[in-house]
Amino acid sequence: MNQARIDLLKKYIEEEPSDPFNYYGLACEYLQENPEESLSIFVTLLEEHPDYLATYYQAAQLLASFEMEEKALEVFRNGIALAKAQQNTKTLLELNTAYQNLLFEM
């Protein structure tokens, strides 16, 4: 966790609260050392910026790590639908693979 980067992202969020990338970056900064805070930010992103495709993979993986598999599967499915709608083949493949892996692990 890089505190300088976190402070900078928080500043960017204050300056541009409608830009989902800044929230995504902040959630990623918290991912390793404060996963609860990271999850909170990802959930907010899913609610407030549902078209920001990058969120779905990270959020679902984090949900699965918290043993919230059913919610993780739902997030993967929503991300898969969005990737199809956005015609983003690479992300669609990544989400499908992660979804299938989680189903297999369950």
C-alpha atoms as a PDB file:
ATOM      1  CA  MET A   1       0.000   0.000   0.000  1.00  0.00           C
ATOM      2  CA  ASN A   2       1.474   3.283  -1.113  1.00  0.00           C
ATOM      3  CA  GLN A   3       0.192   6.093   1.098  1.00  0.00           C
ATOM      4  CA  ALA A   4       1.322   8.821  -1.299  1.00  0.00           C
ATOM      5  CA  ARG A   5      -0.619   7.175  -4.122  1.00  0.00           C
ATOM      6  CA  ILE A   6      -3.652   6.751  -1.859  1.00  0.00           C
ATOM      7  CA  ASP A   7      -3.546  10.418  -0.888  1.00  0.00           C
ATOM      8  CA  LEU A   8      -3.250  11.424  -4.533  1.00  0.00           C
ATOM      9  CA  LEU A   9      -6.195   9.230  -5.567  1.00  0.00           C
ATOM     10  CA  LYS A  10      -8.320  10.663  -2.762  1.00  0.00           C
ATOM     11  CA  LYS A  11      -7.441  14.143  -4.003  1.00  0.00           C
ATOM     12  CA  TYR A  12      -8.437  13.148  -7.538  1.00  0.00           C
ATOM     13  CA  ILE A  13     -11.729  11.778  -6.209  1.00  0.00           C
ATOM     14  CA  GLU A  14     -12.446  15.094  -4.491  1.00  0.00           C
ATOM     15  CA  GLU A  15     -11.639  16.972  -7.704  1.00  0.00           C
ATOM     16  CA  GLU A  16     -13.498  14.598 -10.040  1.00  0.00           C
ATOM     17  CA  PRO A  17     -16.005  12.503  -8.082  1.00  0.00           C
ATOM     18  CA  SER A  18     -17.688  11.242 -11.251  1.00  0.00           C
ATOM     19  CA  ASP A  19     -14.550   9.522 -12.613  1.00  0.00           C
ATOM     20  CA  PRO A  20     -14.723   5.808 -11.725  1.00  0.00           C
ATOM     21  CA  PHE A  21     -11.045   5.200 -12.529  1.00  0.00           C
ATOM     22  CA  ASN A  22      -9.919   7.061  -9.408  1.00  0.00           C
ATOM     23  CA  TYR A  23     -12.135   4.912  -7.179  1.00  0.00           C
ATOM     24  CA  TYR A  24     -10.926   1.781  -8.959  1.00  0.00           C
ATOM     25  CA  GLY A  25      -7.314   2.792  -8.422  1.00  0.00           C
ATOM     26  CA  LEU A  26      -7.977   3.473  -4.750  1.00  0.00           C
ATOM     27  CA  ALA A  27      -9.672   0.093  -4.295  1.00  0.00           C
ATOM     28  CA  CYS A  28      -6.690  -1.608  -5.929  1.00  0.00           C
ATOM     29  CA  GLU A  29      -4.287   0.221  -3.593  1.00  0.00           C
ATOM     30  CA  TYR A  30      -6.175  -1.131  -0.576  1.00  0.00           C
ATOM     31  CA  LEU A  31      -6.517  -4.641  -2.010  1.00  0.00           C
ATOM     32  CA  GLN A  32      -3.606  -6.330  -0.208  1.00  0.00           C
ATOM     33  CA  GLU A  33      -3.396  -4.543   3.134  1.00  0.00           C
ATOM     34  CA  ASN A  34      -7.000  -3.472   3.710  1.00  0.00           C
ATOM     35  CA  PRO A  35      -9.260  -5.791   1.696  1.00  0.00           C
ATOM     36  CA  GLU A  36     -12.371  -4.750   3.630  1.00  0.00           C
ATOM     37  CA  GLU A  37     -11.926  -1.136   2.527  1.00  0.00           C
ATOM     38  CA  SER A  38     -11.157  -2.308  -0.989  1.00  0.00           C
ATOM     39  CA  LEU A  39     -14.375  -4.342  -1.093  1.00  0.00           C
ATOM     40  CA  SER A  40     -16.373  -1.376   0.175  1.00  0.00           C
ATOM     41  CA  ILE A  41     -15.029   0.792  -2.647  1.00  0.00           C
ATOM     42  CA  PHE A  42     -15.658  -1.906  -5.259  1.00  0.00           C
ATOM     43  CA  VAL A  43     -19.259  -2.319  -4.068  1.00  0.00           C
ATOM     44  CA  THR A  44     -19.763   1.436  -4.314  1.00  0.00           C
ATOM     45  CA  LEU A  45     -18.301   1.371  -7.829  1.00  0.00           C
ATOM     46  CA  LEU A  46     -20.664  -1.414  -8.877  1.00  0.00           C
ATOM     47  CA  GLU A  47     -23.619   0.582  -7.563  1.00  0.00           C
ATOM     48  CA  GLU A  48     -22.657   4.045  -8.777  1.00  0.00           C
ATOM     49  CA  HIS A  49     -20.723   3.218 -11.959  1.00  0.00           C
ATOM     50  CA  PRO A  50     -22.182  -0.065 -13.237  1.00  0.00           C
ATOM     51  CA  ASP A  51     -20.744   0.509 -16.736  1.00  0.00           C
ATOM     52  CA  TYR A  52     -17.140   0.542 -15.494  1.00  0.00           C
ATOM     53  CA  LEU A  53     -16.211  -2.949 -16.652  1.00  0.00           C
ATOM     54  CA  ALA A  54     -12.837  -3.274 -14.896  1.00  0.00           C
ATOM     55  CA  THR A  55     -14.560  -3.377 -11.518  1.00  0.00           C
ATOM     56  CA  TYR A  56     -16.339  -6.689 -12.054  1.00  0.00           C
ATOM     57  CA  TYR A  57     -13.338  -9.013 -12.149  1.00  0.00           C
ATOM     58  CA  GLN A  58     -11.611  -7.515  -9.109  1.00  0.00           C
ATOM     59  CA  ALA A  59     -14.818  -7.210  -7.080  1.00  0.00           C
ATOM     60  CA  ALA A  60     -15.870 -10.791  -7.779  1.00  0.00           C
ATOM     61  CA  GLN A  61     -12.437 -12.183  -6.944  1.00  0.00           C
ATOM     62  CA  LEU A  62     -12.412 -10.255  -3.674  1.00  0.00           C
ATOM     63  CA  LEU A  63     -15.920 -11.413  -2.801  1.00  0.00           C
ATOM     64  CA  ALA A  64     -14.822 -15.001  -3.393  1.00  0.00           C
ATOM     65  CA  SER A  65     -11.814 -14.493  -1.103  1.00  0.00           C
ATOM     66  CA  PHE A  66     -14.269 -13.414   1.617  1.00  0.00           C
ATOM     67  CA  GLU A  67     -16.153 -16.697   0.980  1.00  0.00           C
ATOM     68  CA  MET A  68     -19.103 -14.851  -0.546  1.00  0.00           C
ATOM     69  CA  GLU A  69     -19.163 -17.163  -3.544  1.00  0.00           C
ATOM     70  CA  GLU A  70     -22.800 -16.680  -4.550  1.00  0.00           C
ATOM     71  CA  LYS A  71     -22.403 -12.901  -4.614  1.00  0.00           C
ATOM     72  CA  ALA A  72     -19.126 -13.322  -6.519  1.00  0.00           C
ATOM     73  CA  LEU A  73     -20.886 -15.464  -9.135  1.00  0.00           C
ATOM     74  CA  GLU A  74     -23.581 -12.800  -9.488  1.00  0.00           C
ATOM     75  CA  VAL A  75     -20.950 -10.094 -10.014  1.00  0.00           C
ATOM     76  CA  PHE A  76     -19.180 -12.267 -12.595  1.00  0.00           C
ATOM     77  CA  ARG A  77     -22.487 -12.837 -14.441  1.00  0.00           C
ATOM     78  CA  ASN A  78     -23.235  -9.110 -14.459  1.00  0.00           C
ATOM     79  CA  GLY A  79     -19.726  -8.386 -15.716  1.00  0.00           C
ATOM     80  CA  ILE A  80     -20.078 -11.013 -18.440  1.00  0.00           C
ATOM     81  CA  ALA A  81     -23.328  -9.410 -19.608  1.00  0.00           C
ATOM     82  CA  LEU A  82     -21.710  -5.969 -19.616  1.00  0.00           C
ATOM     83  CA  ALA A  83     -18.639  -7.206 -21.500  1.00  0.00           C
ATOM     84  CA  LYS A  84     -20.940  -8.702 -24.145  1.00  0.00           C
ATOM     85  CA  ALA A  85     -22.894  -5.442 -24.388  1.00  0.00           C
ATOM     86  CA  GLN A  86     -19.651  -3.458 -24.706  1.00  0.00           C
ATOM     87  CA  GLN A  87     -18.273  -6.034 -27.167  1.00  0.00           C
ATOM     88  CA  ASN A  88     -15.118  -6.364 -25.071  1.00  0.00           C
ATOM     89  CA  THR A  89     -13.935  -9.834 -26.066  1.00  0.00           C
ATOM     90  CA  LYS A  90     -10.771  -9.904 -23.935  1.00  0.00           C
ATOM     91  CA  THR A  91     -12.564  -8.995 -20.712  1.00  0.00           C
ATOM     92  CA  LEU A  92     -15.438 -11.324 -21.584  1.00  0.00           C
ATOM     93  CA  LEU A  93     -12.990 -14.212 -21.840  1.00  0.00           C
ATOM     94  CA  GLU A  94     -11.303 -13.280 -18.535  1.00  0.00           C
ATOM     95  CA  LEU A  95     -14.626 -13.004 -16.713  1.00  0.00           C
ATOM     96  CA  ASN A  96     -15.939 -16.267 -18.198  1.00  0.00           C
ATOM     97  CA  THR A  97     -12.771 -18.125 -17.219  1.00  0.00           C
ATOM     98  CA  ALA A  98     -12.819 -16.784 -13.665  1.00  0.00           C
ATOM     99  CA  TYR A  99     -16.541 -17.566 -13.386  1.00  0.00           C
ATOM    100  CA  GLN A 100     -16.008 -21.170 -14.532  1.00  0.00           C
ATOM    101  CA  ASN A 101     -13.027 -21.570 -12.174  1.00  0.00           C
ATOM    102  CA  LEU A 102     -15.093 -20.389  -9.220  1.00  0.00           C
ATOM    103  CA  LEU A 103     -17.917 -22.767 -10.135  1.00  0.00           C
ATOM    104  CA  PHE A 104     -15.390 -25.602 -10.322  1.00  0.00           C
ATOM    105  CA  GLU A 105     -13.909 -24.693  -6.917  1.00  0.00           C
ATOM    106  CA  MET A 106     -17.342 -24.636  -5.317  1.00  0.00           C
END
